[in-house]
C-alpha atoms as a PDB file:
ATOM      1  CA  MET A   1       0.028   0.041   0.232  1.00  0.00           C
ATOM      2  CA  VAL A   2       1.181   3.424  -1.070  1.00  0.00           C
ATOM      3  CA  THR A   3       1.304   6.008   1.441  1.00  0.00           C
ATOM      4  CA  GLU A   4       2.853   9.096  -0.351  1.00  0.00           C
ATOM      5  CA  SER A   5       0.700  11.688  -1.170  1.00  0.00           C
ATOM      6  CA  ASN A   6       0.938  13.542  -4.164  1.00  0.00           C
ATOM      7  CA  SER A   7      -1.455  16.233  -3.143  1.00  0.00           C
ATOM      8  CA  SER A   8      -0.661  19.925  -4.789  1.00  0.00           C
ATOM      9  CA  VAL A   9      -2.632  20.430  -1.215  1.00  0.00           C
ATOM     10  CA  THR A  10      -0.411  21.982   1.783  1.00  0.00           C
ATOM     11  CA  GLU A  11      -3.156  22.592   4.324  1.00  0.00           C
ATOM     12  CA  PHE A  12      -6.413  22.384   4.841  1.00  0.00           C
ATOM     13  CA  ILE A  13      -9.241  24.825   5.685  1.00  0.00           C
ATOM     14  CA  LEU A  14     -11.925  24.102   8.564  1.00  0.00           C
ATOM     15  CA  MET A  15     -15.395  25.627   8.150  1.00  0.00           C
ATOM     16  CA  GLY A  16     -16.255  24.560  11.972  1.00  0.00           C
ATOM     17  CA  LEU A  17     -19.593  24.154  13.293  1.00  0.00           C
ATOM     18  CA  THR A  18     -21.049  27.173  11.843  1.00  0.00           C
ATOM     19  CA  VAL A  19     -20.181  30.451   9.518  1.00  0.00           C
ATOM     20  CA  GLN A  20     -22.805  32.934  11.572  1.00  0.00           C
ATOM     21  CA  PRO A  21     -21.047  35.110  13.593  1.00  0.00           C
ATOM     22  CA  GLU A  22     -23.666  36.019  16.267  1.00  0.00           C
ATOM     23  CA  LEU A  23     -23.034  32.589  17.524  1.00  0.00           C
ATOM     24  CA  GLN A  24     -19.383  32.063  17.390  1.00  0.00           C
ATOM     25  CA  LEU A  25     -18.998  33.184  20.942  1.00  0.00           C
ATOM     26  CA  PRO A  26     -21.868  31.846  22.715  1.00  0.00           C
ATOM     27  CA  LEU A  27     -20.945  28.301  20.778  1.00  0.00           C
ATOM     28  CA  PHE A  28     -17.270  29.015  22.484  1.00  0.00           C
ATOM     29  CA  VAL A  29     -17.868  29.516  25.719  1.00  0.00           C
ATOM     30  CA  LEU A  30     -20.470  26.099  25.449  1.00  0.00           C
ATOM     31  CA  PHE A  31     -17.633  24.046  24.039  1.00  0.00           C
ATOM     32  CA  PHE A  32     -15.400  25.379  25.931  1.00  0.00           C
ATOM     33  CA  LEU A  33     -17.584  24.360  29.341  1.00  0.00           C
ATOM     34  CA  ASN A  34     -17.968  21.166  27.443  1.00  0.00           C
ATOM     35  CA  TYR A  35     -13.779  20.683  26.890  1.00  0.00           C
ATOM     36  CA  THR A  36     -12.814  21.432  30.822  1.00  0.00           C
ATOM     37  CA  ALA A  37     -15.910  18.967  32.162  1.00  0.00           C
ATOM     38  CA  THR A  38     -14.705  16.601  29.689  1.00  0.00           C
ATOM     39  CA  VAL A  39     -10.535  16.943  30.779  1.00  0.00           C
ATOM     40  CA  VAL A  40     -11.950  17.328  34.875  1.00  0.00           C
ATOM     41  CA  GLY A  41     -14.803  14.592  34.526  1.00  0.00           C
ATOM     42  CA  ASN A  42     -12.188  11.637  33.350  1.00  0.00           C
ATOM     43  CA  LEU A  43      -9.307  12.840  34.704  1.00  0.00           C
ATOM     44  CA  SER A  44     -10.995  12.778  37.769  1.00  0.00           C
ATOM     45  CA  LEU A  45     -12.671   9.211  37.626  1.00  0.00           C
ATOM     46  CA  MET A  46      -9.221   7.659  36.473  1.00  0.00           C
ATOM     47  CA  ASN A  47      -7.874   9.207  39.474  1.00  0.00           C
ATOM     48  CA  LEU A  48     -10.387   7.859  41.858  1.00  0.00           C
ATOM     49  CA  ILE A  49      -9.905   4.474  39.956  1.00  0.00           C
ATOM     50  CA  CYS A  50      -6.211   4.519  40.831  1.00  0.00           C
ATOM     51  CA  LEU A  51      -6.149   5.839  43.953  1.00  0.00           C
ATOM     52  CA  ASN A  52      -8.884   3.208  46.041  1.00  0.00           C
ATOM     53  CA  SER A  53      -7.786  -0.049  46.023  1.00  0.00           C
ATOM     54  CA  HIS A  54     -11.533  -1.402  45.968  1.00  0.00           C
ATOM     55  CA  LEU A  55     -11.910  -0.064  42.563  1.00  0.00           C
ATOM     56  CA  HIS A  56      -9.496  -2.637  41.541  1.00  0.00           C
ATOM     57  CA  THR A  57     -11.900  -4.598  39.827  1.00  0.00           C
ATOM     58  CA  PRO A  58     -12.405  -6.078  36.447  1.00  0.00           C
ATOM     59  CA  MET A  59     -15.171  -3.557  35.862  1.00  0.00           C
ATOM     60  CA  TYR A  60     -13.388  -0.502  37.041  1.00  0.00           C
ATOM     61  CA  PHE A  61     -10.283  -1.701  35.069  1.00  0.00           C
ATOM     62  CA  PHE A  62     -12.225  -1.338  32.227  1.00  0.00           C
ATOM     63  CA  ILE A  63     -13.650   2.320  32.865  1.00  0.00           C
ATOM     64  CA  PHE A  64     -10.072   3.625  33.276  1.00  0.00           C
ATOM     65  CA  ASN A  65      -9.365   2.557  30.059  1.00  0.00           C
ATOM     66  CA  LEU A  66     -12.610   3.841  28.612  1.00  0.00           C
ATOM     67  CA  SER A  67     -11.476   7.256  30.506  1.00  0.00           C
ATOM     68  CA  CYS A  68      -8.386   7.354  29.122  1.00  0.00           C
ATOM     69  CA  ILE A  69      -9.760   7.113  25.677  1.00  0.00           C
ATOM     70  CA  ASP A  70     -12.145   9.369  26.270  1.00  0.00           C
ATOM     71  CA  PHE A  71      -9.731  11.923  27.758  1.00  0.00           C
ATOM     72  CA  CYS A  72      -7.218  11.716  25.256  1.00  0.00           C
ATOM     73  CA  TYR A  73      -9.975  11.779  22.631  1.00  0.00           C
ATOM     74  CA  SER A  74     -11.225  15.229  23.684  1.00  0.00           C
ATOM     75  CA  PHE A  75      -7.612  16.719  22.778  1.00  0.00           C
ATOM     76  CA  VAL A  76      -7.987  14.966  19.251  1.00  0.00           C
ATOM     77  CA  CYS A  77     -11.425  17.074  18.658  1.00  0.00           C
ATOM     78  CA  ASN A  78     -11.662  19.841  20.822  1.00  0.00           C
ATOM     79  CA  PRO A  79      -8.758  22.227  20.337  1.00  0.00           C
ATOM     80  CA  THR A  80      -9.763  22.323  16.383  1.00  0.00           C
ATOM     81  CA  MET A  81     -13.131  23.153  17.203  1.00  0.00           C
ATOM     82  CA  LEU A  82     -12.602  25.882  19.392  1.00  0.00           C
ATOM     83  CA  MET A  83     -10.333  27.516  17.144  1.00  0.00           C
ATOM     84  CA  SER A  84     -12.858  27.737  14.591  1.00  0.00           C
ATOM     85  CA  PHE A  85     -15.251  29.899  16.722  1.00  0.00           C
ATOM     86  CA  VAL A  86     -12.323  32.340  17.589  1.00  0.00           C
ATOM     87  CA  SER A  87      -9.331  32.473  14.005  1.00  0.00           C
ATOM     88  CA  GLU A  88     -11.335  33.879  10.518  1.00  0.00           C
ATOM     89  CA  GLN A  89      -9.905  30.947   8.915  1.00  0.00           C
ATOM     90  CA  ASN A  90      -8.832  27.841  10.894  1.00  0.00           C
ATOM     91  CA  THR A  91      -6.256  26.091   9.031  1.00  0.00           C
ATOM     92  CA  ILE A  92      -4.492  22.791   9.677  1.00  0.00           C
ATOM     93  CA  SER A  93      -1.621  21.350   7.099  1.00  0.00           C
ATOM     94  CA  TYR A  94      -1.991  18.176   5.385  1.00  0.00           C
ATOM     95  CA  GLU A  95       0.291  16.321   8.147  1.00  0.00           C
ATOM     96  CA  ALA A  96      -1.684  17.862  11.152  1.00  0.00           C
ATOM     97  CA  CYS A  97      -5.038  16.752   9.205  1.00  0.00           C
ATOM     98  CA  MET A  98      -3.920  13.216   8.455  1.00  0.00           C
ATOM     99  CA  SER A  99      -2.478  12.668  11.835  1.00  0.00           C
ATOM    100  CA  GLN A 100      -5.586  13.908  13.465  1.00  0.00           C
ATOM    101  CA  LEU A 101      -7.881  11.642  11.697  1.00  0.00           C
ATOM    102  CA  PHE A 102      -5.769   8.983  12.781  1.00  0.00           C
ATOM    103  CA  PHE A 103      -6.358   9.544  16.175  1.00  0.00           C
ATOM    104  CA  PHE A 104      -9.395  10.240  15.842  1.00  0.00           C
ATOM    105  CA  CYS A 105     -10.125   6.740  14.081  1.00  0.00           C
ATOM    106  CA  PHE A 106      -7.822   5.181  16.787  1.00  0.00           C
ATOM    107  CA  PHE A 107      -9.786   6.329  19.745  1.00  0.00           C
ATOM    108  CA  VAL A 108     -13.456   5.694  18.594  1.00  0.00           C
ATOM    109  CA  ASN A 109     -12.820   2.313  17.031  1.00  0.00           C
ATOM    110  CA  SER A 110     -10.652   1.693  20.458  1.00  0.00           C
ATOM    111  CA  GLU A 111     -13.366   2.951  22.788  1.00  0.00           C
ATOM    112  CA  CYS A 112     -16.207   0.711  20.372  1.00  0.00           C
ATOM    113  CA  TYR A 113     -14.204  -2.432  21.621  1.00  0.00           C
ATOM    114  CA  VAL A 114     -13.320  -1.528  25.126  1.00  0.00           C
ATOM    115  CA  LEU A 115     -17.553  -0.917  25.438  1.00  0.00           C
ATOM    116  CA  THR A 116     -17.907  -4.544  23.699  1.00  0.00           C
ATOM    117  CA  ALA A 117     -15.330  -6.238  26.304  1.00  0.00           C
ATOM    118  CA  MET A 118     -16.891  -3.898  29.279  1.00  0.00           C
ATOM    119  CA  ALA A 119     -20.484  -6.153  28.158  1.00  0.00           C
ATOM    120  CA  TYR A 120     -18.591  -9.334  28.389  1.00  0.00           C
ATOM    121  CA  ASP A 121     -17.033  -8.678  31.454  1.00  0.00           C
ATOM    122  CA  ARG A 122     -21.117  -7.462  32.067  1.00  0.00           C
ATOM    123  CA  TYR A 123     -22.035 -11.201  31.298  1.00  0.00           C
ATOM    124  CA  VAL A 124     -19.801 -13.234  32.864  1.00  0.00           C
ATOM    125  CA  ALA A 125     -20.316 -10.861  36.674  1.00  0.00           C
ATOM    126  CA  ILE A 126     -24.322 -11.831  36.317  1.00  0.00           C
ATOM    127  CA  CYS A 127     -24.002 -15.647  34.798  1.00  0.00           C
ATOM    128  CA  HIS A 128     -20.979 -17.011  36.459  1.00  0.00           C
ATOM    129  CA  PRO A 129     -20.456 -14.834  39.744  1.00  0.00           C
ATOM    130  CA  LEU A 130     -18.777 -17.532  41.419  1.00  0.00           C
ATOM    131  CA  LYS A 131     -16.104 -18.037  38.471  1.00  0.00           C
ATOM    132  CA  TYR A 132     -15.939 -14.098  37.969  1.00  0.00           C
ATOM    133  CA  THR A 133     -12.421 -13.609  39.320  1.00  0.00           C
ATOM    134  CA  THR A 134     -10.822 -16.700  37.943  1.00  0.00           C
ATOM    135  CA  ILE A 135     -12.561 -16.068  34.454  1.00  0.00           C
ATOM    136  CA  MET A 136     -11.856 -11.745  34.862  1.00  0.00           C
ATOM    137  CA  SER A 137      -8.397 -12.294  35.475  1.00  0.00           C
ATOM    138  CA  LEU A 138      -5.877  -9.029  35.415  1.00  0.00           C
ATOM    139  CA  LYS A 139      -4.071 -11.536  32.429  1.00  0.00           C
ATOM    140  CA  ILE A 140      -7.878 -11.528  30.769  1.00  0.00           C
ATOM    141  CA  CYS A 141      -8.456  -7.782  31.312  1.00  0.00           C
ATOM    142  CA  CYS A 142      -5.496  -6.899  29.979  1.00  0.00           C
ATOM    143  CA  LEU A 143      -5.461  -9.212  27.018  1.00  0.00           C
ATOM    144  CA  LEU A 144      -8.771  -7.772  26.300  1.00  0.00           C
ATOM    145  CA  VAL A 145      -7.661  -3.836  26.730  1.00  0.00           C
ATOM    146  CA  PHE A 146      -4.480  -4.684  24.628  1.00  0.00           C
ATOM    147  CA  GLY A 147      -7.039  -6.602  21.538  1.00  0.00           C
ATOM    148  CA  SER A 148      -9.013  -3.091  21.535  1.00  0.00           C
ATOM    149  CA  TYR A 149      -6.116  -1.143  21.397  1.00  0.00           C
ATOM    150  CA  LEU A 150      -4.688  -3.283  18.428  1.00  0.00           C
ATOM    151  CA  MET A 151      -7.751  -3.414  16.637  1.00  0.00           C
ATOM    152  CA  GLY A 152      -8.431   0.002  16.919  1.00  0.00           C
ATOM    153  CA  PHE A 153      -4.787   0.738  15.516  1.00  0.00           C
ATOM    154  CA  ALA A 154      -5.135  -1.607  12.713  1.00  0.00           C
ATOM    155  CA  GLY A 155      -8.539   0.517  11.749  1.00  0.00           C
ATOM    156  CA  ALA A 156      -6.772   4.325  11.765  1.00  0.00           C
ATOM    157  CA  LEU A 157      -4.240   2.663  10.172  1.00  0.00           C
ATOM    158  CA  ALA A 158      -6.485   1.520   6.916  1.00  0.00           C
ATOM    159  CA  HIS A 159      -8.022   4.738   6.767  1.00  0.00           C
ATOM    160  CA  THR A 160      -5.113   6.562   6.915  1.00  0.00           C
ATOM    161  CA  GLY A 161      -3.061   4.816   4.792  1.00  0.00           C
ATOM    162  CA  PHE A 162      -5.655   4.748   1.757  1.00  0.00           C
ATOM    163  CA  MET A 163      -6.437   8.506   2.705  1.00  0.00           C
ATOM    164  CA  LEU A 164      -2.741   9.056   2.115  1.00  0.00           C
ATOM    165  CA  ARG A 165      -3.437   7.492  -1.144  1.00  0.00           C
ATOM    166  CA  LEU A 166      -5.838  10.437  -2.551  1.00  0.00           C
ATOM    167  CA  ASN A 167      -4.399  13.092  -4.541  1.00  0.00           C
ATOM    168  CA  PHE A 168      -6.286  16.824  -3.219  1.00  0.00           C
ATOM    169  CA  CYS A 169      -5.415  19.034  -5.842  1.00  0.00           C
ATOM    170  CA  ASN A 170      -9.325  20.953  -6.487  1.00  0.00           C
ATOM    171  CA  SER A 171     -11.388  22.688  -2.921  1.00  0.00           C
ATOM    172  CA  ASN A 172      -8.798  22.540   0.498  1.00  0.00           C
ATOM    173  CA  ILE A 173     -11.951  23.677   2.468  1.00  0.00           C
ATOM    174  CA  ILE A 174     -13.250  21.134   4.480  1.00  0.00           C
ATOM    175  CA  ASN A 175     -16.682  21.215   5.416  1.00  0.00           C
ATOM    176  CA  HIS A 176     -16.303  20.316   8.991  1.00  0.00           C
ATOM    177  CA  TYR A 177     -14.733  21.216  12.372  1.00  0.00           C
ATOM    178  CA  MET A 178     -11.991  17.880  12.450  1.00  0.00           C
ATOM    179  CA  CYS A 179     -10.466  15.947   9.182  1.00  0.00           C
ATOM    180  CA  ASP A 180     -13.100  13.126   9.306  1.00  0.00           C
ATOM    181  CA  ILE A 181     -13.635  10.701   6.659  1.00  0.00           C
ATOM    182  CA  PHE A 182     -16.186  11.706   4.422  1.00  0.00           C
ATOM    183  CA  PRO A 183     -15.727  15.338   4.067  1.00  0.00           C
ATOM    184  CA  LEU A 184     -11.892  14.578   3.400  1.00  0.00           C
ATOM    185  CA  LEU A 185     -13.759  12.182   0.377  1.00  0.00           C
ATOM    186  CA  GLN A 186     -15.302  14.785  -1.052  1.00  0.00           C
ATOM    187  CA  LEU A 187     -12.131  17.378  -2.049  1.00  0.00           C
ATOM    188  CA  SER A 188     -10.179  14.278  -3.754  1.00  0.00           C
ATOM    189  CA  CYS A 189      -9.628  14.904  -7.340  1.00  0.00           C
ATOM    190  CA  THR A 190      -8.705  10.854  -7.730  1.00  0.00           C
ATOM    191  CA  SER A 191     -10.806   8.129  -7.599  1.00  0.00           C
ATOM    192  CA  THR A 192     -12.370   7.437  -3.617  1.00  0.00           C
ATOM    193  CA  TYR A 193     -14.041   4.099  -4.233  1.00  0.00           C
ATOM    194  CA  VAL A 194     -11.297   2.004  -2.886  1.00  0.00           C
ATOM    195  CA  ASN A 195     -11.287   4.431  -0.029  1.00  0.00           C
ATOM    196  CA  GLU A 196     -15.263   3.736   0.235  1.00  0.00           C
ATOM    197  CA  LEU A 197     -14.583  -0.090   0.567  1.00  0.00           C
ATOM    198  CA  VAL A 198     -11.870   0.197   2.921  1.00  0.00           C
ATOM    199  CA  SER A 199     -14.744   2.304   5.064  1.00  0.00           C
ATOM    200  CA  SER A 200     -17.589   0.180   4.865  1.00  0.00           C
ATOM    201  CA  ALA A 201     -15.001  -3.175   5.686  1.00  0.00           C
ATOM    202  CA  VAL A 202     -13.648  -0.941   8.577  1.00  0.00           C
ATOM    203  CA  VAL A 203     -16.905  -0.052  10.170  1.00  0.00           C
ATOM    204  CA  GLY A 204     -18.597  -3.133   9.142  1.00  0.00           C
ATOM    205  CA  THR A 205     -16.224  -5.301  11.150  1.00  0.00           C
ATOM    206  CA  ILE A 206     -16.606  -2.992  14.053  1.00  0.00           C
ATOM    207  CA  ILE A 207     -20.251  -2.840  14.255  1.00  0.00           C
ATOM    208  CA  ILE A 208     -20.282  -6.470  13.429  1.00  0.00           C
ATOM    209  CA  LEU A 209     -18.284  -8.060  15.655  1.00  0.00           C
ATOM    210  CA  SER A 210     -19.272  -5.808  18.278  1.00  0.00           C
ATOM    211  CA  SER A 211     -22.703  -5.916  17.577  1.00  0.00           C
ATOM    212  CA  ILE A 212     -22.713  -9.733  18.280  1.00  0.00           C
ATOM    213  CA  ILE A 213     -20.881 -10.224  21.338  1.00  0.00           C
ATOM    214  CA  ILE A 214     -22.675  -6.897  22.767  1.00  0.00           C
ATOM    215  CA  LEU A 215     -26.094  -8.903  22.095  1.00  0.00           C
ATOM    216  CA  VAL A 216     -25.227 -12.286  22.537  1.00  0.00           C
ATOM    217  CA  SER A 217     -23.639 -10.870  26.291  1.00  0.00           C
ATOM    218  CA  TYR A 218     -27.217  -9.068  27.334  1.00  0.00           C
ATOM    219  CA  ALA A 219     -29.209 -11.777  25.786  1.00  0.00           C
ATOM    220  CA  MET A 220     -27.642 -14.052  28.160  1.00  0.00           C
ATOM    221  CA  ILE A 221     -27.761 -12.152  31.070  1.00  0.00           C
ATOM    222  CA  LEU A 222     -31.976 -11.297  29.942  1.00  0.00           C
ATOM    223  CA  SER A 223     -32.046 -15.051  30.352  1.00  0.00           C
ATOM    224  CA  ASN A 224     -30.365 -14.949  33.606  1.00  0.00           C
ATOM    225  CA  ILE A 225     -31.935 -12.378  35.155  1.00  0.00           C
ATOM    226  CA  LEU A 226     -35.306 -14.061  34.087  1.00  0.00           C
ATOM    227  CA  HIS A 227     -34.402 -17.068  36.101  1.00  0.00           C
ATOM    228  CA  MET A 228     -34.078 -14.707  38.977  1.00  0.00           C
ATOM    229  CA  SER A 229     -36.211 -15.833  42.155  1.00  0.00           C
ATOM    230  CA  SER A 230     -35.364 -12.651  44.482  1.00  0.00           C
ATOM    231  CA  SER A 231     -36.343  -9.193  43.172  1.00  0.00           C
ATOM    232  CA  LYS A 232     -33.134  -7.996  44.853  1.00  0.00           C
ATOM    233  CA  GLY A 233     -30.957  -9.868  42.553  1.00  0.00           C
ATOM    234  CA  TRP A 234     -33.103  -8.746  39.248  1.00  0.00           C
ATOM    235  CA  SER A 235     -32.554  -4.855  40.727  1.00  0.00           C
ATOM    236  CA  LYS A 236     -28.730  -5.744  41.423  1.00  0.00           C
ATOM    237  CA  ALA A 237     -28.032  -7.039  37.792  1.00  0.00           C
ATOM    238  CA  LEU A 238     -30.004  -4.587  35.856  1.00  0.00           C
ATOM    239  CA  GLY A 239     -28.238  -2.223  38.264  1.00  0.00           C
ATOM    240  CA  THR A 240     -24.126  -3.270  36.872  1.00  0.00           C
ATOM    241  CA  CYS A 241     -25.686  -3.137  33.285  1.00  0.00           C
ATOM    242  CA  GLY A 242     -28.004   0.579  33.203  1.00  0.00           C
ATOM    243  CA  SER A 243     -24.469   2.414  32.897  1.00  0.00           C
ATOM    244  CA  HIS A 244     -23.240   0.688  30.199  1.00  0.00           C
ATOM    245  CA  ILE A 245     -26.680   0.472  28.177  1.00  0.00           C
ATOM    246  CA  LEU A 246     -26.711   3.829  28.202  1.00  0.00           C
ATOM    247  CA  THR A 247     -23.059   4.805  27.211  1.00  0.00           C
ATOM    248  CA  VAL A 248     -23.655   1.669  24.280  1.00  0.00           C
ATOM    249  CA  SER A 249     -26.960   3.401  23.632  1.00  0.00           C
ATOM    250  CA  LEU A 250     -25.164   6.776  23.190  1.00  0.00           C
ATOM    251  CA  PHE A 251     -22.531   6.144  21.555  1.00  0.00           C
ATOM    252  CA  TYR A 252     -23.264   4.350  18.673  1.00  0.00           C
ATOM    253  CA  GLY A 253     -26.730   5.369  17.637  1.00  0.00           C
ATOM    254  CA  SER A 254     -25.277   9.190  17.268  1.00  0.00           C
ATOM    255  CA  GLY A 255     -21.873   7.493  15.283  1.00  0.00           C
ATOM    256  CA  LEU A 256     -24.791   5.307  13.332  1.00  0.00           C
ATOM    257  CA  LEU A 257     -26.470   8.501  12.382  1.00  0.00           C
ATOM    258  CA  ALA A 258     -23.832  10.624  11.292  1.00  0.00           C
ATOM    259  CA  TYR A 259     -22.911   8.175   8.981  1.00  0.00           C
ATOM    260  CA  ILE A 260     -26.176   6.904   7.258  1.00  0.00           C
ATOM    261  CA  LYS A 261     -25.460   7.576   3.429  1.00  0.00           C
ATOM    262  CA  PRO A 262     -22.640   9.679   3.540  1.00  0.00           C
ATOM    263  CA  THR A 263     -21.619  10.471  -0.073  1.00  0.00           C
ATOM    264  CA  SER A 264     -23.907  13.604  -0.078  1.00  0.00           C
ATOM    265  CA  ALA A 265     -22.686  16.648   0.502  1.00  0.00           C
ATOM    266  CA  ASP A 266     -25.722  17.257   2.437  1.00  0.00           C
ATOM    267  CA  THR A 267     -25.781  14.253   4.599  1.00  0.00           C
ATOM    268  CA  VAL A 268     -22.334  14.938   5.280  1.00  0.00           C
ATOM    269  CA  GLY A 269     -23.340  18.553   6.501  1.00  0.00           C
ATOM    270  CA  GLN A 270     -25.856  16.155   8.693  1.00  0.00           C
ATOM    271  CA  GLY A 271     -23.154  14.366  10.108  1.00  0.00           C
ATOM    272  CA  LYS A 272     -21.145  16.903  11.266  1.00  0.00           C
ATOM    273  CA  PHE A 273     -23.570  18.652  13.523  1.00  0.00           C
ATOM    274  CA  LEU A 274     -24.685  14.782  14.720  1.00  0.00           C
ATOM    275  CA  SER A 275     -21.109  13.822  15.509  1.00  0.00           C
ATOM    276  CA  ILE A 276     -20.987  16.484  17.990  1.00  0.00           C
ATOM    277  CA  PHE A 277     -22.589  13.757  20.456  1.00  0.00           C
ATOM    278  CA  TYR A 278     -20.617  11.174  20.103  1.00  0.00           C
ATOM    279  CA  THR A 279     -17.062  12.911  19.610  1.00  0.00           C
ATOM    280  CA  LEU A 280     -17.827  15.529  22.062  1.00  0.00           C
ATOM    281  CA  VAL A 281     -20.855  15.233  24.637  1.00  0.00           C
ATOM    282  CA  VAL A 282     -20.785  11.027  25.209  1.00  0.00           C
ATOM    283  CA  PRO A 283     -16.614  11.756  26.342  1.00  0.00           C
ATOM    284  CA  MET A 284     -18.320  14.642  29.049  1.00  0.00           C
ATOM    285  CA  LEU A 285     -21.090  11.910  29.910  1.00  0.00           C
ATOM    286  CA  ASN A 286     -19.302   9.355  30.488  1.00  0.00           C
ATOM    287  CA  PRO A 287     -17.606   9.626  33.714  1.00  0.00           C
ATOM    288  CA  LEU A 288     -21.148  11.292  34.961  1.00  0.00           C
ATOM    289  CA  ILE A 289     -23.030   8.411  33.651  1.00  0.00           C
ATOM    290  CA  TYR A 290     -20.713   6.098  36.049  1.00  0.00           C
ATOM    291  CA  SER A 291     -20.634   7.614  38.749  1.00  0.00           C
ATOM    292  CA  LEU A 292     -23.829   9.896  40.213  1.00  0.00           C
ATOM    293  CA  ARG A 293     -25.779   6.252  40.587  1.00  0.00           C
ATOM    294  CA  ASN A 294     -22.743   4.186  41.313  1.00  0.00           C
ATOM    295  CA  LYS A 295     -21.810   3.588  45.202  1.00  0.00           C
ATOM    296  CA  ASP A 296     -18.590   2.557  45.054  1.00  0.00           C
ATOM    297  CA  VAL A 297     -17.216   5.825  43.086  1.00  0.00           C
ATOM    298  CA  LYS A 298     -18.983   8.135  45.519  1.00  0.00           C
ATOM    299  CA  LEU A 299     -17.632   5.826  48.182  1.00  0.00           C
ATOM    300  CA  ALA A 300     -14.545   6.542  46.496  1.00  0.00           C
ATOM    301  CA  VAL A 301     -15.182  10.285  46.443  1.00  0.00           C
ATOM    302  CA  LYS A 302     -15.869  10.356  50.280  1.00  0.00           C
ATOM    303  CA  ARG A 303     -12.406   8.550  51.534  1.00  0.00           C
ATOM    304  CA  THR A 304     -10.370  10.790  48.614  1.00  0.00           C
ATOM    305  CA  MET A 305     -11.716  13.876  50.085  1.00  0.00           C
ATOM    306  CA  LYS A 306     -10.746  12.966  53.602  1.00  0.00           C
ATOM    307  CA  ARG A 307      -7.521  12.369  52.754  1.00  0.00           C
ATOM    308  CA  ILE A 308      -7.414  15.854  51.232  1.00  0.00           C
ATOM    309  CA  ALA A 309      -8.666  16.950  54.608  1.00  0.00           C
ATOM    310  CA  SER A 310      -6.400  15.077  56.784  1.00  0.00           C
END
């Protein structure tokens, strides 16, 4: 695969979210607060998990990695969006654009696989509670997370490698707030057929593999719950899955909506607004989802505050 581009374009112009001047300042404030909340929320959750030994369990190991991905992910998309609100012309070099595309794909793909691993973890916890610590050993957890990052890296490498083969010689204005796949494909003056095949293959693999594992895991969980005689057991089982179900629904739902029929200019524009949910909103909400109704995290907060106070 050729990875050198003959593109005559040396930099791109990011149009941002909107070109209406009266919306620039309010949106900058809104998304700056979003950026701050995302960084502080995910960093705080990671620190809580590290500092409190009762959170050193497989479930929180995966939550830690999810927060780590969201924390790093926020540095890929948010700064360029914020710049589009305060600068007259938000430019990004060709090399920086390809780098942003790679890390964007890497973190999105990795998050998909980590969420899938979390579904398997919940299945083992509810359906095989006595064997949970044996099945979900530290070695297995590390292998699942390593596999998630490896698959994420492979997908990002495929997207970026084939993007580097394209020639950009006409317009250099990207109708987005970041270097995303389909807005870039629209600017190519060479055939994008192979790129579209690769994108379909990578995204299809993620969706099919993740969906099968998540759906089978929750089908087994539901079957196990229905056979429980205790209402307390029902409540506990549903409580441990509720946060994960909400996260998966938000992330996959917004992601799929953003990329439905991405070939036309209109749908790319719509995808730009829909992508806000999985690039900016979901990473901010994840720490809240996994902490607001979580007794273990609340206990960790109290213990940490006592340590700081003393």
